[in-house]
Amino acid sequence: MALLSEEVELDEEFLALVGKAVVALAQERRPLSYDALCSRLCGLADSADDDELVINCWRARQLLKNSVRLIK
């Protein structure tokens, strides 16, 4: 089980986007993994019509990446 930094745990936008990614992976019956989450966040950014959503998706991906590094 992975632990997230306190900064990430309190970031509502991050949690919402990761939640969307998890739901999308579950609907596709894909296994949940770090790589799959990052890929899905990139997909959300690519399909976003709103520049702010694109930025938030990339930021969420970076926060996820940084949190995983903290755990290792």
PDB file of N, CA and C in Angstrom:
ATOM      1  N   MET A   1       0.845  -1.182   0.000  1.00  0.00           N
ATOM      2  CA  MET A   1       0.000   0.000   0.000  1.00  0.00           C
ATOM      3  C   MET A   1       0.885   1.239   0.000  1.00  0.00           C
ATOM      4  N   ALA A   2       0.506   2.214  -0.772  1.00  0.00           N
ATOM      5  CA  ALA A   2       1.288   3.430  -0.896  1.00  0.00           C
ATOM      6  C   ALA A   2       0.718   4.522  -0.003  1.00  0.00           C
ATOM      7  N   LEU A   3       1.599   5.307   0.537  1.00  0.00           N
ATOM      8  CA  LEU A   3       1.202   6.466   1.330  1.00  0.00           C
ATOM      9  C   LEU A   3       1.445   7.716   0.503  1.00  0.00           C
ATOM     10  N   LEU A   4       0.577   8.680   0.637  1.00  0.00           N
ATOM     11  CA  LEU A   4       0.737   9.937  -0.068  1.00  0.00           C
ATOM     12  C   LEU A   4       1.212  11.001   0.903  1.00  0.00           C
ATOM     13  N   SER A   5       1.906  11.985   0.369  1.00  0.00           N
ATOM     14  CA  SER A   5       2.350  13.081   1.219  1.00  0.00           C
ATOM     15  C   SER A   5       1.130  13.845   1.727  1.00  0.00           C
ATOM     16  N   GLU A   6       1.300  14.555   2.829  1.00  0.00           N
ATOM     17  CA  GLU A   6       0.190  15.310   3.416  1.00  0.00           C
ATOM     18  C   GLU A   6      -0.338  16.359   2.440  1.00  0.00           C
ATOM     19  N   GLU A   7       0.569  16.973   1.682  1.00  0.00           N
ATOM     20  CA  GLU A   7       0.164  17.982   0.695  1.00  0.00           C
ATOM     21  C   GLU A   7      -0.822  17.384  -0.312  1.00  0.00           C
ATOM     22  N   VAL A   8      -0.546  16.184  -0.766  1.00  0.00           N
ATOM     23  CA  VAL A   8      -1.390  15.531  -1.758  1.00  0.00           C
ATOM     24  C   VAL A   8      -2.703  15.074  -1.140  1.00  0.00           C
ATOM     25  N   GLU A   9      -2.656  14.571   0.079  1.00  0.00           N
ATOM     26  CA  GLU A   9      -3.868  14.089   0.745  1.00  0.00           C
ATOM     27  C   GLU A   9      -4.907  15.192   0.910  1.00  0.00           C
ATOM     28  N   LEU A  10      -4.467  16.434   0.998  1.00  0.00           N
ATOM     29  CA  LEU A  10      -5.371  17.561   1.220  1.00  0.00           C
ATOM     30  C   LEU A  10      -5.728  18.299  -0.073  1.00  0.00           C
ATOM     31  N   ASP A  11      -5.219  17.843  -1.203  1.00  0.00           N
ATOM     32  CA  ASP A  11      -5.435  18.508  -2.485  1.00  0.00           C
ATOM     33  C   ASP A  11      -6.689  17.935  -3.150  1.00  0.00           C
ATOM     34  N   GLU A  12      -7.794  18.665  -3.057  1.00  0.00           N
ATOM     35  CA  GLU A  12      -9.081  18.172  -3.557  1.00  0.00           C
ATOM     36  C   GLU A  12      -9.075  17.949  -5.065  1.00  0.00           C
ATOM     37  N   GLU A  13      -8.445  18.832  -5.816  1.00  0.00           N
ATOM     38  CA  GLU A  13      -8.399  18.685  -7.276  1.00  0.00           C
ATOM     39  C   GLU A  13      -7.632  17.422  -7.654  1.00  0.00           C
ATOM     40  N   PHE A  14      -6.507  17.192  -6.990  1.00  0.00           N
ATOM     41  CA  PHE A  14      -5.719  15.979  -7.232  1.00  0.00           C
ATOM     42  C   PHE A  14      -6.556  14.736  -6.954  1.00  0.00           C
ATOM     43  N   LEU A  15      -7.204  14.713  -5.799  1.00  0.00           N
ATOM     44  CA  LEU A  15      -8.004  13.544  -5.423  1.00  0.00           C
ATOM     45  C   LEU A  15      -9.159  13.320  -6.395  1.00  0.00           C
ATOM     46  N   ALA A  16      -9.777  14.396  -6.860  1.00  0.00           N
ATOM     47  CA  ALA A  16     -10.883  14.261  -7.812  1.00  0.00           C
ATOM     48  C   ALA A  16     -10.401  13.689  -9.143  1.00  0.00           C
ATOM     49  N   LEU A  17      -9.276  14.173  -9.632  1.00  0.00           N
ATOM     50  CA  LEU A  17      -8.760  13.689 -10.915  1.00  0.00           C
ATOM     51  C   LEU A  17      -8.279  12.248 -10.821  1.00  0.00           C
ATOM     52  N   VAL A  18      -7.595  11.913  -9.733  1.00  0.00           N
ATOM     53  CA  VAL A  18      -7.158  10.526  -9.555  1.00  0.00           C
ATOM     54  C   VAL A  18      -8.382   9.625  -9.408  1.00  0.00           C
ATOM     55  N   GLY A  19      -9.405  10.115  -8.730  1.00  0.00           N
ATOM     56  CA  GLY A  19     -10.648   9.350  -8.614  1.00  0.00           C
ATOM     57  C   GLY A  19     -11.270   9.075  -9.977  1.00  0.00           C
ATOM     58  N   LYS A  20     -11.293  10.081 -10.852  1.00  0.00           N
ATOM     59  CA  LYS A  20     -11.812   9.887 -12.212  1.00  0.00           C
ATOM     60  C   LYS A  20     -10.986   8.852 -12.960  1.00  0.00           C
ATOM     61  N   ALA A  21      -9.674   8.916 -12.782  1.00  0.00           N
ATOM     62  CA  ALA A  21      -8.793   7.958 -13.455  1.00  0.00           C
ATOM     63  C   ALA A  21      -9.044   6.542 -12.955  1.00  0.00           C
ATOM     64  N   VAL A  22      -9.224   6.382 -11.661  1.00  0.00           N
ATOM     65  CA  VAL A  22      -9.488   5.061 -11.079  1.00  0.00           C
ATOM     66  C   VAL A  22     -10.808   4.509 -11.609  1.00  0.00           C
ATOM     67  N   VAL A  23     -11.837   5.339 -11.655  1.00  0.00           N
ATOM     68  CA  VAL A  23     -13.142   4.897 -12.163  1.00  0.00           C
ATOM     69  C   VAL A  23     -13.027   4.489 -13.631  1.00  0.00           C
ATOM     70  N   ALA A  24     -12.326   5.282 -14.426  1.00  0.00           N
ATOM     71  CA  ALA A  24     -12.163   4.953 -15.849  1.00  0.00           C
ATOM     72  C   ALA A  24     -11.438   3.622 -16.022  1.00  0.00           C
ATOM     73  N   LEU A  25     -10.402   3.391 -15.233  1.00  0.00           N
ATOM     74  CA  LEU A  25      -9.677   2.118 -15.316  1.00  0.00           C
ATOM     75  C   LEU A  25     -10.578   0.954 -14.920  1.00  0.00           C
ATOM     76  N   ALA A  26     -11.379   1.150 -13.898  1.00  0.00           N
ATOM     77  CA  ALA A  26     -12.293   0.089 -13.455  1.00  0.00           C
ATOM     78  C   ALA A  26     -13.330  -0.214 -14.537  1.00  0.00           C
ATOM     79  N   GLN A  27     -13.839   0.824 -15.181  1.00  0.00           N
ATOM     80  CA  GLN A  27     -14.828   0.622 -16.242  1.00  0.00           C
ATOM     81  C   GLN A  27     -14.227  -0.131 -17.426  1.00  0.00           C
ATOM     82  N   GLU A  28     -12.940   0.079 -17.663  1.00  0.00           N
ATOM     83  CA  GLU A  28     -12.248  -0.614 -18.753  1.00  0.00           C
ATOM     84  C   GLU A  28     -11.712  -1.974 -18.309  1.00  0.00           C
ATOM     85  N   ARG A  29     -11.921  -2.286 -17.049  1.00  0.00           N
ATOM     86  CA  ARG A  29     -11.427  -3.537 -16.450  1.00  0.00           C
ATOM     87  C   ARG A  29      -9.913  -3.677 -16.592  1.00  0.00           C
ATOM     88  N   ARG A  30      -9.243  -2.540 -16.464  1.00  0.00           N
ATOM     89  CA  ARG A  30      -7.776  -2.531 -16.494  1.00  0.00           C
ATOM     90  C   ARG A  30      -7.258  -2.574 -15.069  1.00  0.00           C
ATOM     91  N   PRO A  31      -6.128  -3.220 -14.856  1.00  0.00           N
ATOM     92  CA  PRO A  31      -5.567  -3.263 -13.503  1.00  0.00           C
ATOM     93  C   PRO A  31      -5.134  -1.867 -13.046  1.00  0.00           C
ATOM     94  N   LEU A  32      -5.282  -1.641 -11.770  1.00  0.00           N
ATOM     95  CA  LEU A  32      -4.897  -0.366 -11.181  1.00  0.00           C
ATOM     96  C   LEU A  32      -3.408  -0.399 -10.866  1.00  0.00           C
ATOM     97  N   SER A  33      -2.670   0.513 -11.450  1.00  0.00           N
ATOM     98  CA  SER A  33      -1.232   0.605 -11.205  1.00  0.00           C
ATOM     99  C   SER A  33      -0.811   2.063 -11.364  1.00  0.00           C
ATOM    100  N   TYR A  34       0.385   2.349 -10.918  1.00  0.00           N
ATOM    101  CA  TYR A  34       0.930   3.699 -11.062  1.00  0.00           C
ATOM    102  C   TYR A  34       0.972   4.103 -12.535  1.00  0.00           C
ATOM    103  N   ASP A  35       1.495   3.215 -13.384  1.00  0.00           N
ATOM    104  CA  ASP A  35       1.601   3.520 -14.813  1.00  0.00           C
ATOM    105  C   ASP A  35       0.232   3.736 -15.448  1.00  0.00           C
ATOM    106  N   ALA A  36      -0.735   2.915 -15.059  1.00  0.00           N
ATOM    107  CA  ALA A  36      -2.085   3.056 -15.610  1.00  0.00           C
ATOM    108  C   ALA A  36      -2.711   4.381 -15.177  1.00  0.00           C
ATOM    109  N   LEU A  37      -2.501   4.768 -13.920  1.00  0.00           N
ATOM    110  CA  LEU A  37      -3.033   6.055 -13.445  1.00  0.00           C
ATOM    111  C   LEU A  37      -2.399   7.222 -14.196  1.00  0.00           C
ATOM    112  N   CYS A  38      -1.087   7.179 -14.368  1.00  0.00           N
ATOM    113  CA  CYS A  38      -0.406   8.252 -15.099  1.00  0.00           C
ATOM    114  C   CYS A  38      -0.900   8.320 -16.540  1.00  0.00           C
ATOM    115  N   SER A  39      -1.068   7.166 -17.151  1.00  0.00           N
ATOM    116  CA  SER A  39      -1.563   7.111 -18.523  1.00  0.00           C
ATOM    117  C   SER A  39      -2.971   7.691 -18.618  1.00  0.00           C
ATOM    118  N   ARG A  40      -3.825   7.344 -17.682  1.00  0.00           N
ATOM    119  CA  ARG A  40      -5.204   7.835 -17.693  1.00  0.00           C
ATOM    120  C   ARG A  40      -5.237   9.338 -17.457  1.00  0.00           C
ATOM    121  N   LEU A  41      -4.389   9.854 -16.557  1.00  0.00           N
ATOM    122  CA  LEU A  41      -4.329  11.305 -16.330  1.00  0.00           C
ATOM    123  C   LEU A  41      -3.866  12.029 -17.594  1.00  0.00           C
ATOM    124  N   CYS A  42      -2.926  11.435 -18.329  1.00  0.00           N
ATOM    125  CA  CYS A  42      -2.505  12.016 -19.610  1.00  0.00           C
ATOM    126  C   CYS A  42      -3.671  12.015 -20.593  1.00  0.00           C
ATOM    127  N   GLY A  43      -4.434  10.930 -20.599  1.00  0.00           N
ATOM    128  CA  GLY A  43      -5.605  10.846 -21.467  1.00  0.00           C
ATOM    129  C   GLY A  43      -6.650  11.886 -21.122  1.00  0.00           C
ATOM    130  N   LEU A  44      -6.872  12.096 -19.826  1.00  0.00           N
ATOM    131  CA  LEU A  44      -7.815  13.136 -19.401  1.00  0.00           C
ATOM    132  C   LEU A  44      -7.343  14.507 -19.869  1.00  0.00           C
ATOM    133  N   ALA A  45      -6.044  14.760 -19.770  1.00  0.00           N
ATOM    134  CA  ALA A  45      -5.495  16.046 -20.213  1.00  0.00           C
ATOM    135  C   ALA A  45      -5.653  16.207 -21.722  1.00  0.00           C
ATOM    136  N   ASP A  46      -5.379  15.141 -22.467  1.00  0.00           N
ATOM    137  CA  ASP A  46      -5.474  15.206 -23.928  1.00  0.00           C
ATOM    138  C   ASP A  46      -6.899  15.446 -24.413  1.00  0.00           C
ATOM    139  N   SER A  47      -7.880  14.938 -23.677  1.00  0.00           N
ATOM    140  CA  SER A  47      -9.269  15.077 -24.117  1.00  0.00           C
ATOM    141  C   SER A  47      -9.981  16.287 -23.505  1.00  0.00           C
ATOM    142  N   ALA A  48      -9.288  17.041 -22.670  1.00  0.00           N
ATOM    143  CA  ALA A  48      -9.900  18.189 -21.992  1.00  0.00           C
ATOM    144  C   ALA A  48     -10.083  19.358 -22.957  1.00  0.00           C
ATOM    145  N   ASP A  49     -11.214  20.030 -22.824  1.00  0.00           N
ATOM    146  CA  ASP A  49     -11.489  21.221 -23.628  1.00  0.00           C
ATOM    147  C   ASP A  49     -11.040  22.492 -22.915  1.00  0.00           C
ATOM    148  N   ASP A  50     -10.861  22.403 -21.637  1.00  0.00           N
ATOM    149  CA  ASP A  50     -10.558  23.539 -20.774  1.00  0.00           C
ATOM    150  C   ASP A  50      -9.064  23.543 -20.436  1.00  0.00           C
ATOM    151  N   ASP A  51      -8.397  24.660 -20.683  1.00  0.00           N
ATOM    152  CA  ASP A  51      -6.962  24.755 -20.390  1.00  0.00           C
ATOM    153  C   ASP A  51      -6.662  24.493 -18.922  1.00  0.00           C
ATOM    154  N   GLU A  52      -7.540  24.949 -18.048  1.00  0.00           N
ATOM    155  CA  GLU A  52      -7.324  24.746 -16.615  1.00  0.00           C
ATOM    156  C   GLU A  52      -7.349  23.258 -16.266  1.00  0.00           C
ATOM    157  N   LEU A  53      -8.247  22.511 -16.894  1.00  0.00           N
ATOM    158  CA  LEU A  53      -8.308  21.069 -16.648  1.00  0.00           C
ATOM    159  C   LEU A  53      -7.049  20.380 -17.157  1.00  0.00           C
ATOM    160  N   VAL A  54      -6.543  20.811 -18.297  1.00  0.00           N
ATOM    161  CA  VAL A  54      -5.296  20.248 -18.825  1.00  0.00           C
ATOM    162  C   VAL A  54      -4.170  20.460 -17.821  1.00  0.00           C
ATOM    163  N   ILE A  55      -4.043  21.674 -17.326  1.00  0.00           N
ATOM    164  CA  ILE A  55      -2.997  21.995 -16.350  1.00  0.00           C
ATOM    165  C   ILE A  55      -3.184  21.177 -15.085  1.00  0.00           C
ATOM    166  N   ASN A  56      -4.422  21.062 -14.606  1.00  0.00           N
ATOM    167  CA  ASN A  56      -4.684  20.292 -13.387  1.00  0.00           C
ATOM    168  C   ASN A  56      -4.373  18.809 -13.568  1.00  0.00           C
ATOM    169  N   CYS A  57      -4.654  18.267 -14.743  1.00  0.00           N
ATOM    170  CA  CYS A  57      -4.330  16.857 -15.003  1.00  0.00           C
ATOM    171  C   CYS A  57      -2.825  16.633 -14.971  1.00  0.00           C
ATOM    172  N   TRP A  58      -2.087  17.503 -15.617  1.00  0.00           N
ATOM    173  CA  TRP A  58      -0.629  17.358 -15.622  1.00  0.00           C
ATOM    174  C   TRP A  58      -0.062  17.584 -14.220  1.00  0.00           C
ATOM    175  N   ARG A  59      -0.644  18.513 -13.493  1.00  0.00           N
ATOM    176  CA  ARG A  59      -0.200  18.748 -12.115  1.00  0.00           C
ATOM    177  C   ARG A  59      -0.491  17.525 -11.247  1.00  0.00           C
ATOM    178  N   ALA A  60      -1.663  16.934 -11.420  1.00  0.00           N
ATOM    179  CA  ALA A  60      -2.016  15.733 -10.656  1.00  0.00           C
ATOM    180  C   ALA A  60      -1.057  14.597 -10.978  1.00  0.00           C
ATOM    181  N   ARG A  61      -0.706  14.463 -12.243  1.00  0.00           N
ATOM    182  CA  ARG A  61       0.247  13.419 -12.637  1.00  0.00           C
ATOM    183  C   ARG A  61       1.601  13.654 -11.965  1.00  0.00           C
ATOM    184  N   GLN A  62       2.035  14.900 -11.943  1.00  0.00           N
ATOM    185  CA  GLN A  62       3.318  15.216 -11.309  1.00  0.00           C
ATOM    186  C   GLN A  62       3.264  14.975  -9.802  1.00  0.00           C
ATOM    187  N   LEU A  63       2.170  15.342  -9.153  1.00  0.00           N
ATOM    188  CA  LEU A  63       2.025  15.085  -7.719  1.00  0.00           C
ATOM    189  C   LEU A  63       2.036  13.591  -7.425  1.00  0.00           C
ATOM    190  N   LEU A  64       1.367  12.821  -8.270  1.00  0.00           N
ATOM    191  CA  LEU A  64       1.365  11.370  -8.104  1.00  0.00           C
ATOM    192  C   LEU A  64       2.782  10.823  -8.252  1.00  0.00           C
ATOM    193  N   LYS A  65       3.473  11.297  -9.254  1.00  0.00           N
ATOM    194  CA  LYS A  65       4.852  10.862  -9.499  1.00  0.00           C
ATOM    195  C   LYS A  65       5.746  11.210  -8.308  1.00  0.00           C
ATOM    196  N   ASN A  66       5.623  12.418  -7.795  1.00  0.00           N
ATOM    197  CA  ASN A  66       6.435  12.839  -6.650  1.00  0.00           C
ATOM    198  C   ASN A  66       6.095  12.043  -5.401  1.00  0.00           C
ATOM    199  N   SER A  67       4.828  11.728  -5.202  1.00  0.00           N
ATOM    200  CA  SER A  67       4.412  10.959  -4.026  1.00  0.00           C
ATOM    201  C   SER A  67       4.971   9.550  -4.071  1.00  0.00           C
ATOM    202  N   VAL A  68       4.980   8.961  -5.252  1.00  0.00           N
ATOM    203  CA  VAL A  68       5.523   7.607  -5.384  1.00  0.00           C
ATOM    204  C   VAL A  68       7.012   7.617  -5.075  1.00  0.00           C
ATOM    205  N   ARG A  69       7.710   8.629  -5.504  1.00  0.00           N
ATOM    206  CA  ARG A  69       9.145   8.731  -5.198  1.00  0.00           C
ATOM    207  C   ARG A  69       9.385   8.827  -3.695  1.00  0.00           C
ATOM    208  N   LEU A  70       8.504   9.539  -2.989  1.00  0.00           N
ATOM    209  CA  LEU A  70       8.654   9.675  -1.536  1.00  0.00           C
ATOM    210  C   LEU A  70       8.531   8.322  -0.837  1.00  0.00           C
ATOM    211  N   ILE A  71       7.720   7.437  -1.393  1.00  0.00           N
ATOM    212  CA  ILE A  71       7.473   6.138  -0.773  1.00  0.00           C
ATOM    213  C   ILE A  71       8.658   5.211  -0.953  1.00  0.00           C
ATOM    214  N   LYS A  72       9.275   5.258  -2.127  1.00  0.00           N
ATOM    215  CA  LYS A  72      10.391   4.362  -2.423  1.00  0.00           C
ATOM    216  C   LYS A  72      11.537   4.711  -1.549  1.00  0.00           C
TER     217      LYS A  72
END
